Amino acid sequence: MRSLTKSTAAYCRERGKSVRCNSVHPKGVATRMITSMFDGIDDEKIRGQLMSKLCGPEDIAPMLLFLASDDSKLANGAEFTIDEAEGIHFKP
């Protein structure tokens, strides 16, 4: 997806198209399909830890609204990660 985002943005820019291409990469999203996988876990502590690793649609919507607005008119070929820095491998 990341490579497709960048190649689409470059392709459109090279051809003078007024099309921007950016991508949003959230960590797991708390949809019913995902949370139903935790239904068999009886330990509330473990269930809570798993649920805390998910984000909700309300965490993603502001980024999408930004990208749909004129405020992001110069964003093109960008990857926006919504994961509380979990994608950065470091030891706290």
Protein backbone atom coordinates (compact mmCIF):
# COMPACT_ATOMS: atom_id res chain seq x y z
CA MET A 1 0.00 0.00 0.00
CA ARG A 2 2.82 2.38 0.87
CA SER A 3 4.57 1.81 -2.45
CA LEU A 4 1.31 2.15 -4.36
CA THR A 5 0.63 5.45 -2.59
CA LYS A 6 4.00 6.86 -3.57
CA SER A 7 3.95 5.59 -7.15
CA THR A 8 0.41 6.89 -7.73
CA ALA A 9 1.33 10.30 -6.33
CA ALA A 10 4.46 10.47 -8.51
CA TYR A 11 2.61 9.26 -11.61
CA CYS A 12 -0.14 11.87 -11.26
CA ARG A 13 2.30 14.69 -10.49
CA GLU A 14 4.55 13.87 -13.46
CA ARG A 15 1.54 14.03 -15.76
CA GLY A 16 0.25 17.30 -14.34
CA LYS A 17 -2.87 15.71 -12.87
CA SER A 18 -4.48 17.48 -9.94
CA VAL A 19 -4.79 14.22 -8.06
CA ARG A 20 -3.10 13.63 -4.71
CA CYS A 21 -2.59 10.22 -3.20
CA ASN A 22 -1.92 9.69 0.50
CA SER A 23 -2.53 6.69 2.71
CA VAL A 24 -3.64 6.23 6.31
CA HIS A 25 -2.30 3.28 8.29
CA PRO A 26 -4.07 2.81 11.63
CA LYS A 27 -3.18 0.11 14.08
CA GLY A 28 -5.98 -2.40 14.66
CA VAL A 29 -9.44 -0.84 14.64
CA ALA A 30 -12.04 -1.85 17.23
CA THR A 31 -14.74 -3.08 14.90
CA ARG A 32 -17.16 -5.84 15.88
CA MET A 33 -15.36 -8.25 13.56
CA ILE A 34 -12.06 -7.69 15.40
CA THR A 35 -13.41 -7.49 18.96
CA SER A 36 -15.42 -10.70 18.46
CA MET A 37 -12.07 -12.53 18.37
CA PHE A 38 -11.71 -11.65 22.07
CA ASP A 39 -15.11 -13.09 23.05
CA GLY A 40 -13.60 -16.38 24.21
CA ILE A 41 -11.14 -14.72 26.59
CA ASP A 42 -12.46 -14.92 30.14
CA ASP A 43 -9.57 -13.08 31.82
CA GLU A 44 -10.69 -9.43 31.92
CA LYS A 45 -7.12 -8.16 32.41
CA ILE A 46 -5.88 -9.86 29.24
CA ARG A 47 -9.01 -8.83 27.35
CA GLY A 48 -8.49 -5.22 28.46
CA GLN A 49 -4.86 -5.28 27.36
CA LEU A 50 -5.83 -6.54 23.94
CA MET A 51 -8.62 -3.99 23.57
CA SER A 52 -6.27 -1.15 24.58
CA LYS A 53 -4.13 -1.92 21.54
CA LEU A 54 -7.02 -1.08 19.21
CA CYS A 55 -8.12 2.35 18.05
CA GLY A 56 -11.62 3.48 17.20
CA PRO A 57 -13.05 5.21 14.16
CA GLU A 58 -12.98 8.45 16.17
CA ASP A 59 -9.19 8.15 16.24
CA ILE A 60 -8.94 7.89 12.46
CA ALA A 61 -11.65 10.34 11.35
CA PRO A 62 -9.69 13.55 12.15
CA MET A 63 -6.84 12.44 9.88
CA LEU A 64 -9.25 11.64 7.07
CA LEU A 65 -10.98 15.00 7.49
CA PHE A 66 -7.59 16.74 7.35
CA LEU A 67 -6.67 14.91 4.13
CA ALA A 68 -10.03 15.80 2.58
CA SER A 69 -9.59 19.48 3.46
CA ASP A 70 -7.65 22.25 1.73
CA ASP A 71 -5.30 22.28 4.73
CA SER A 72 -3.56 19.23 3.26
CA LYS A 73 -3.23 20.58 -0.28
CA LEU A 74 0.54 20.03 -0.29
CA ALA A 75 0.41 16.52 1.16
CA ASN A 76 1.03 14.07 -1.65
CA GLY A 77 2.59 10.63 -1.51
CA ALA A 78 2.54 10.69 2.28
CA GLU A 79 1.88 7.86 4.68
CA PHE A 80 0.04 8.75 7.87
CA THR A 81 0.43 6.18 10.63
CA ILE A 82 -1.99 6.16 13.55
CA ASP A 83 -0.46 3.75 16.03
CA GLU A 84 0.89 5.63 19.06
CA ALA A 85 4.45 5.01 17.79
CA GLU A 86 4.00 1.22 18.02
CA GLY A 87 5.62 0.91 14.59
CA ILE A 88 8.83 2.37 15.97
CA HIS A 89 10.86 -0.43 17.46
CA PHE A 90 12.36 0.78 20.70
CA LYS A 91 12.49 -0.36 24.27
CA PRO A 92 10.90 2.08 26.73
